[in-house]
Amino acid sequence: MTKFEYTPPEDDNEDRVYVRVDDIFDISILRVEEGLVIDVYGNDELDSLGTLAISEDLLARSREEQP
């Protein structure tokens, strides 16, 4: 079974959250002016394994399509 550990944002970092998966991967989710950025890191790695960026335009269109 997959294990997720959520780290709530600190007062000065309300625009981001961190999730640790199976004690192996660290995932950061950041809300930036340009949209959302999701980075995945290996265990204690400094370089990301991959990044997903979703533009603010796409997020706005998605919100408009919601009922």
Protein backbone atom coordinates (compact mmCIF):
# COMPACT_ATOMS: atom_id res chain seq x y z
CA MET A 1 0.00 0.00 0.00
CA THR A 2 1.28 3.44 -0.90
CA LYS A 3 2.13 5.76 1.96
CA PHE A 4 1.64 9.53 1.64
CA GLU A 5 2.97 12.03 4.17
CA TYR A 6 1.61 15.55 3.83
CA THR A 7 3.54 18.54 5.15
CA PRO A 8 1.26 21.52 5.75
CA PRO A 9 2.50 24.92 4.55
CA GLU A 10 4.34 27.13 6.97
CA ASP A 11 3.15 30.70 7.52
CA ASP A 12 5.59 32.23 5.05
CA ASN A 13 5.13 29.45 2.43
CA GLU A 14 1.35 29.33 1.99
CA ASP A 15 1.79 28.99 -1.78
CA ARG A 16 3.30 25.50 -1.58
CA VAL A 17 2.83 22.07 -0.05
CA TYR A 18 5.05 19.02 0.14
CA VAL A 19 4.13 15.34 -0.03
CA ARG A 20 6.46 12.40 0.61
CA VAL A 21 5.52 9.15 -1.13
CA ASP A 22 6.60 5.74 0.18
CA ASP A 23 9.57 7.39 1.95
CA ILE A 24 11.21 7.55 -1.48
CA PHE A 25 9.84 10.49 -3.47
CA ASP A 26 9.34 14.11 -2.47
CA ILE A 27 6.71 16.09 -4.36
CA SER A 28 6.36 19.85 -4.17
CA ILE A 29 3.23 21.60 -5.41
CA LEU A 30 3.68 25.33 -5.90
CA ARG A 31 1.09 27.94 -6.81
CA VAL A 32 2.90 30.64 -8.76
CA GLU A 33 1.74 33.64 -10.76
CA GLU A 34 2.15 31.65 -13.98
CA GLY A 35 0.02 28.71 -12.71
CA LEU A 36 0.92 25.48 -10.90
CA VAL A 37 4.28 23.71 -10.78
CA ILE A 38 4.65 20.14 -9.54
CA ASP A 39 8.18 18.81 -9.02
CA VAL A 40 9.12 15.22 -8.17
CA TYR A 41 12.42 14.45 -6.45
CA GLY A 42 14.09 11.15 -5.62
CA ASN A 43 15.07 10.35 -2.05
CA ASP A 44 17.25 13.24 -0.83
CA GLU A 45 18.02 14.34 -4.40
CA LEU A 46 18.57 17.98 -5.28
CA ASP A 47 17.73 17.61 -8.98
CA SER A 48 14.12 16.92 -9.90
CA LEU A 49 13.16 13.71 -11.66
CA GLY A 50 10.42 15.55 -13.48
CA THR A 51 8.30 18.69 -13.55
CA LEU A 52 4.71 19.34 -14.54
CA ALA A 53 3.75 22.96 -15.19
CA ILE A 54 0.15 24.02 -15.77
CA SER A 55 -0.35 27.55 -17.09
CA GLU A 56 -2.67 30.06 -15.48
CA ASP A 57 -4.59 30.28 -18.79
CA LEU A 58 -5.33 26.57 -18.71
CA LEU A 59 -6.35 26.74 -15.05
CA ALA A 60 -8.70 29.66 -15.81
CA ARG A 61 -10.33 27.74 -18.68
CA SER A 62 -10.78 24.72 -16.44
CA ARG A 63 -12.44 26.85 -13.75
CA GLU A 64 -14.83 28.30 -16.36
CA GLU A 65 -15.88 24.80 -17.44
CA GLN A 66 -16.82 23.77 -13.89
CA PRO A 67 -20.58 23.61 -13.22
